[in-house]
């Protein structure tokens, strides 16, 4: 009763393929984004090195931190639309790609 908000995210989960600790637990938030996923985002090391080229510092050793920064990079800094950023991060299946409109 002491908190007010427009949207609440209620979920608690340790990372699965990186060190499990509360600093990397879900939900992971940054600016206007709250990331919760059920699965594994691979290539933490490669994602971390990529983000460092743009001035980000991944310090929490969790793939969720990296993906949150990637969304910040694509959406806020590069100005991409949300659907384009989502497609860049999680590409459609090959069977879906073949049925997409040419402009996609």
N, C-alpha and C. Protein backbone atom coordinates (compact mmCIF):
# COMPACT_ATOMS: atom_id res chain seq x y z
N UNK A 1 0.81 -1.21 0.00
CA UNK A 1 0.00 0.00 0.00
C UNK A 1 0.85 1.27 0.00
N UNK A 2 2.16 1.13 0.05
CA UNK A 2 3.04 2.29 0.03
C UNK A 2 3.57 2.61 -1.37
N UNK A 3 3.32 1.74 -2.35
CA UNK A 3 3.87 1.91 -3.68
C UNK A 3 2.76 2.11 -4.70
N UNK A 4 3.03 2.95 -5.68
CA UNK A 4 2.09 3.15 -6.78
C UNK A 4 2.83 2.96 -8.08
N UNK A 5 2.14 2.44 -9.09
CA UNK A 5 2.76 2.26 -10.39
C UNK A 5 1.72 1.92 -11.43
N UNK A 6 2.13 2.08 -12.69
CA UNK A 6 1.25 1.76 -13.80
C UNK A 6 1.31 0.28 -14.15
N UNK A 7 2.50 -0.28 -14.04
CA UNK A 7 2.71 -1.68 -14.39
C UNK A 7 3.62 -2.29 -13.34
N UNK A 8 3.29 -3.49 -12.93
CA UNK A 8 4.12 -4.21 -11.97
C UNK A 8 4.63 -5.48 -12.61
N UNK A 9 5.88 -5.80 -12.34
CA UNK A 9 6.46 -7.06 -12.78
C UNK A 9 6.78 -7.86 -11.52
N UNK A 10 6.16 -8.99 -11.38
CA UNK A 10 6.40 -9.83 -10.21
C UNK A 10 6.94 -11.17 -10.68
N UNK A 11 8.22 -11.38 -10.43
CA UNK A 11 8.86 -12.61 -10.86
C UNK A 11 10.22 -12.65 -10.19
N UNK A 12 10.60 -13.78 -9.69
CA UNK A 12 11.92 -13.91 -9.10
C UNK A 12 12.58 -15.17 -9.63
N UNK A 13 13.73 -15.04 -10.24
CA UNK A 13 14.39 -16.19 -10.84
C UNK A 13 15.88 -15.90 -10.95
N UNK A 14 16.70 -16.87 -10.52
CA UNK A 14 18.14 -16.76 -10.69
C UNK A 14 18.51 -17.03 -12.14
N UNK A 15 19.65 -16.52 -12.60
CA UNK A 15 20.13 -16.86 -13.94
C UNK A 15 20.38 -18.36 -14.04
N UNK A 16 20.32 -18.90 -15.25
CA UNK A 16 20.47 -20.34 -15.43
C UNK A 16 21.81 -20.74 -16.03
N UNK A 17 22.42 -19.92 -16.86
CA UNK A 17 23.68 -20.34 -17.47
C UNK A 17 24.84 -19.41 -17.11
N UNK A 18 24.64 -18.55 -16.14
CA UNK A 18 25.67 -17.69 -15.60
C UNK A 18 25.58 -17.78 -14.09
N UNK A 19 26.53 -17.23 -13.35
CA UNK A 19 26.48 -17.39 -11.88
C UNK A 19 25.15 -16.96 -11.29
N UNK A 20 24.58 -17.81 -10.44
CA UNK A 20 23.29 -17.52 -9.81
C UNK A 20 23.46 -16.66 -8.57
N UNK A 21 22.98 -15.46 -8.63
CA UNK A 21 22.99 -14.56 -7.47
C UNK A 21 21.92 -13.50 -7.67
N UNK A 22 21.53 -12.82 -6.62
CA UNK A 22 20.39 -11.91 -6.69
C UNK A 22 20.63 -10.71 -7.60
N UNK A 23 21.87 -10.31 -7.79
CA UNK A 23 22.15 -9.18 -8.68
C UNK A 23 21.79 -9.47 -10.12
N UNK A 24 21.74 -10.74 -10.49
CA UNK A 24 21.40 -11.10 -11.86
C UNK A 24 20.03 -11.72 -11.99
N UNK A 25 19.26 -11.69 -10.91
CA UNK A 25 17.94 -12.34 -10.92
C UNK A 25 16.92 -11.52 -11.69
N UNK A 26 15.90 -12.19 -12.15
CA UNK A 26 14.78 -11.52 -12.83
C UNK A 26 13.80 -10.99 -11.80
N UNK A 27 13.09 -9.93 -12.10
CA UNK A 27 13.21 -9.14 -13.31
C UNK A 27 14.46 -8.29 -13.27
N UNK A 28 14.99 -8.00 -14.43
CA UNK A 28 16.15 -7.13 -14.56
C UNK A 28 15.65 -5.85 -15.20
N UNK A 29 15.91 -4.74 -14.59
CA UNK A 29 15.37 -3.48 -15.10
C UNK A 29 16.47 -2.49 -15.41
N UNK A 30 16.21 -1.68 -16.42
CA UNK A 30 17.10 -0.60 -16.82
C UNK A 30 16.24 0.46 -17.49
N UNK A 31 16.32 1.68 -17.01
CA UNK A 31 15.53 2.78 -17.55
C UNK A 31 14.06 2.38 -17.62
N UNK A 32 13.47 2.34 -18.81
CA UNK A 32 12.04 2.04 -18.93
C UNK A 32 11.75 0.56 -19.21
N UNK A 33 12.75 -0.30 -19.12
CA UNK A 33 12.58 -1.69 -19.51
C UNK A 33 12.73 -2.63 -18.33
N UNK A 34 11.91 -3.66 -18.34
CA UNK A 34 12.01 -4.74 -17.37
C UNK A 34 12.02 -6.04 -18.16
N UNK A 35 13.09 -6.79 -18.04
CA UNK A 35 13.27 -8.01 -18.82
C UNK A 35 13.07 -9.23 -17.94
N UNK A 36 12.18 -10.09 -18.38
CA UNK A 36 11.96 -11.40 -17.78
C UNK A 36 11.84 -12.37 -18.93
N UNK A 37 12.56 -13.47 -18.86
CA UNK A 37 12.45 -14.47 -19.92
C UNK A 37 12.55 -15.84 -19.31
N UNK A 38 12.03 -16.80 -20.01
CA UNK A 38 12.09 -18.18 -19.56
C UNK A 38 12.92 -18.94 -20.58
N UNK A 39 14.18 -18.95 -20.38
CA UNK A 39 15.05 -19.62 -21.32
C UNK A 39 16.47 -19.13 -21.17
N UNK A 40 17.24 -19.38 -22.18
CA UNK A 40 18.65 -19.05 -22.14
C UNK A 40 19.00 -18.12 -23.29
N UNK A 41 19.68 -17.04 -22.96
CA UNK A 41 20.19 -16.14 -23.98
C UNK A 41 21.69 -16.45 -24.06
N UNK A 42 22.10 -17.02 -25.15
CA UNK A 42 23.46 -17.51 -25.27
C UNK A 42 24.45 -16.40 -25.59
N UNK A 43 25.71 -16.74 -25.51
CA UNK A 43 26.81 -15.88 -25.92
C UNK A 43 26.98 -14.65 -25.04
N UNK A 44 26.92 -14.83 -23.73
CA UNK A 44 27.12 -13.70 -22.83
C UNK A 44 28.42 -12.97 -23.13
N UNK A 45 29.52 -13.71 -23.29
CA UNK A 45 30.82 -13.09 -23.52
C UNK A 45 30.85 -12.26 -24.78
N UNK A 46 30.31 -12.80 -25.87
CA UNK A 46 30.29 -12.06 -27.14
C UNK A 46 29.39 -10.83 -27.04
N UNK A 47 28.23 -10.99 -26.40
CA UNK A 47 27.32 -9.84 -26.23
C UNK A 47 27.98 -8.77 -25.37
N UNK A 48 28.67 -9.17 -24.31
CA UNK A 48 29.35 -8.22 -23.43
C UNK A 48 30.41 -7.44 -24.21
N UNK A 49 31.23 -8.13 -24.98
CA UNK A 49 32.27 -7.45 -25.75
C UNK A 49 31.66 -6.49 -26.79
N UNK A 50 30.58 -6.91 -27.43
CA UNK A 50 29.90 -6.04 -28.40
C UNK A 50 29.41 -4.77 -27.71
N UNK A 51 28.76 -4.92 -26.58
CA UNK A 51 28.21 -3.76 -25.87
C UNK A 51 29.30 -2.81 -25.38
N UNK A 52 30.44 -3.36 -25.01
CA UNK A 52 31.55 -2.52 -24.55
C UNK A 52 32.02 -1.56 -25.64
N UNK A 53 31.84 -1.93 -26.91
CA UNK A 53 32.22 -1.03 -28.01
C UNK A 53 31.36 0.23 -28.02
N UNK A 54 30.19 0.18 -27.37
CA UNK A 54 29.28 1.31 -27.31
C UNK A 54 29.27 1.97 -25.93
N UNK A 55 30.23 1.60 -25.08
CA UNK A 55 30.36 2.24 -23.77
C UNK A 55 29.61 1.58 -22.63
N UNK A 56 28.93 0.48 -22.88
CA UNK A 56 28.23 -0.22 -21.81
C UNK A 56 29.23 -1.03 -20.99
N UNK A 57 28.93 -1.24 -19.73
CA UNK A 57 29.77 -2.06 -18.85
C UNK A 57 28.89 -3.11 -18.19
N UNK A 58 29.01 -4.32 -18.65
CA UNK A 58 28.27 -5.44 -18.06
C UNK A 58 29.07 -5.94 -16.86
N UNK A 59 28.50 -5.81 -15.69
CA UNK A 59 29.22 -6.16 -14.47
C UNK A 59 28.50 -7.22 -13.64
N UNK A 60 27.31 -7.60 -14.02
CA UNK A 60 26.53 -8.51 -13.20
C UNK A 60 26.63 -9.97 -13.62
N UNK A 61 27.37 -10.25 -14.67
CA UNK A 61 27.63 -11.61 -15.15
C UNK A 61 26.36 -12.39 -15.47
N UNK A 62 25.39 -11.72 -16.05
CA UNK A 62 24.15 -12.40 -16.42
C UNK A 62 23.75 -12.04 -17.84
N UNK A 63 23.28 -13.04 -18.57
CA UNK A 63 22.85 -12.79 -19.94
C UNK A 63 21.67 -11.83 -19.99
N UNK A 64 20.89 -11.77 -18.93
CA UNK A 64 19.75 -10.86 -18.90
C UNK A 64 20.22 -9.41 -18.85
N UNK A 65 21.31 -9.14 -18.17
CA UNK A 65 21.88 -7.79 -18.17
C UNK A 65 22.29 -7.41 -19.59
N UNK A 66 22.95 -8.32 -20.28
CA UNK A 66 23.40 -8.04 -21.65
C UNK A 66 22.22 -7.78 -22.57
N UNK A 67 21.18 -8.59 -22.50
CA UNK A 67 20.04 -8.40 -23.41
C UNK A 67 19.31 -7.09 -23.09
N UNK A 68 19.28 -6.70 -21.83
CA UNK A 68 18.65 -5.43 -21.46
C UNK A 68 19.42 -4.27 -22.07
N UNK A 69 20.74 -4.32 -21.98
CA UNK A 69 21.55 -3.28 -22.60
C UNK A 69 21.43 -3.30 -24.12
N UNK A 70 21.31 -4.47 -24.72
CA UNK A 70 21.13 -4.55 -26.17
C UNK A 70 19.83 -3.86 -26.59
N UNK A 71 18.75 -4.09 -25.83
CA UNK A 71 17.50 -3.39 -26.15
C UNK A 71 17.66 -1.88 -25.96
N UNK A 72 18.37 -1.45 -24.94
CA UNK A 72 18.61 -0.02 -24.75
C UNK A 72 19.39 0.54 -25.94
N UNK A 73 20.41 -0.19 -26.37
CA UNK A 73 21.22 0.25 -27.51
C UNK A 73 20.38 0.36 -28.78
N UNK A 74 19.61 -0.68 -29.08
CA UNK A 74 18.83 -0.70 -30.31
C UNK A 74 17.68 0.31 -30.30
N UNK A 75 16.98 0.40 -29.18
CA UNK A 75 15.78 1.24 -29.12
C UNK A 75 16.10 2.70 -28.82
N UNK A 76 16.79 2.95 -27.74
CA UNK A 76 17.02 4.34 -27.31
C UNK A 76 18.14 5.00 -28.11
N UNK A 77 19.27 4.32 -28.22
CA UNK A 77 20.42 4.97 -28.85
C UNK A 77 20.38 4.91 -30.37
N UNK A 78 19.94 3.80 -30.94
CA UNK A 78 19.87 3.70 -32.41
C UNK A 78 18.50 4.09 -32.95
N UNK A 79 17.49 4.20 -32.08
CA UNK A 79 16.17 4.64 -32.51
C UNK A 79 15.38 3.66 -33.35
N UNK A 80 15.69 2.37 -33.23
CA UNK A 80 14.94 1.37 -34.00
C UNK A 80 13.54 1.17 -33.43
N UNK A 81 12.57 0.84 -34.26
CA UNK A 81 11.24 0.50 -33.76
C UNK A 81 11.31 -0.81 -32.96
N UNK A 82 10.39 -0.97 -32.02
CA UNK A 82 10.40 -2.15 -31.15
C UNK A 82 10.35 -3.45 -31.94
N UNK A 83 9.50 -3.54 -32.97
CA UNK A 83 9.39 -4.79 -33.72
C UNK A 83 10.69 -5.15 -34.43
N UNK A 84 11.44 -4.14 -34.88
CA UNK A 84 12.72 -4.40 -35.54
C UNK A 84 13.75 -4.88 -34.51
N UNK A 85 13.78 -4.26 -33.35
CA UNK A 85 14.71 -4.67 -32.29
C UNK A 85 14.42 -6.10 -31.85
N UNK A 86 13.17 -6.44 -31.69
CA UNK A 86 12.79 -7.79 -31.29
C UNK A 86 13.23 -8.80 -32.34
N UNK A 87 13.02 -8.47 -33.60
CA UNK A 87 13.42 -9.37 -34.69
C UNK A 87 14.94 -9.53 -34.73
N UNK A 88 15.67 -8.46 -34.45
CA UNK A 88 17.13 -8.54 -34.44
C UNK A 88 17.63 -9.44 -33.32
N UNK A 89 16.96 -9.41 -32.20
CA UNK A 89 17.38 -10.21 -31.04
C UNK A 89 16.87 -11.64 -31.13
N UNK A 90 15.66 -11.82 -31.59
CA UNK A 90 15.05 -13.15 -31.69
C UNK A 90 14.48 -13.32 -33.09
N UNK A 91 15.32 -13.74 -33.99
CA UNK A 91 14.91 -13.88 -35.39
C UNK A 91 13.79 -14.91 -35.54
N UNK A 92 12.91 -14.69 -36.51
CA UNK A 92 11.84 -15.66 -36.76
C UNK A 92 12.42 -16.99 -37.27
N UNK A 93 11.61 -18.02 -37.21
CA UNK A 93 12.00 -19.32 -37.75
C UNK A 93 12.13 -19.22 -39.27
N UNK A 94 12.97 -20.07 -39.87
CA UNK A 94 13.14 -20.06 -41.32
C UNK A 94 11.80 -20.24 -42.03
N UNK A 95 10.94 -21.08 -41.48
CA UNK A 95 9.64 -21.31 -42.12
C UNK A 95 8.78 -20.04 -42.10
N UNK A 96 8.95 -19.20 -41.10
CA UNK A 96 8.22 -17.93 -41.04
C UNK A 96 8.83 -16.90 -41.99
N UNK A 97 10.14 -16.89 -42.08
CA UNK A 97 10.84 -15.92 -42.94
C UNK A 97 10.40 -16.07 -44.38
N UNK A 98 10.28 -17.31 -44.83
CA UNK A 98 9.91 -17.54 -46.24
C UNK A 98 8.49 -17.05 -46.56
N UNK A 99 7.64 -16.87 -45.54
CA UNK A 99 6.27 -16.42 -45.77
C UNK A 99 6.07 -14.94 -45.47
N UNK A 100 7.14 -14.23 -45.10
CA UNK A 100 7.03 -12.81 -44.74
C UNK A 100 6.90 -11.95 -45.99
N UNK A 101 6.31 -10.78 -45.79
CA UNK A 101 6.23 -9.80 -46.86
C UNK A 101 7.65 -9.38 -47.25
N UNK A 102 7.89 -9.08 -48.52
CA UNK A 102 9.24 -8.74 -48.98
C UNK A 102 9.90 -7.59 -48.20
N UNK A 103 9.14 -6.58 -47.79
CA UNK A 103 9.74 -5.46 -47.08
C UNK A 103 10.25 -5.84 -45.69
N UNK A 104 9.74 -6.91 -45.13
CA UNK A 104 10.22 -7.37 -43.82
C UNK A 104 11.57 -8.04 -43.98
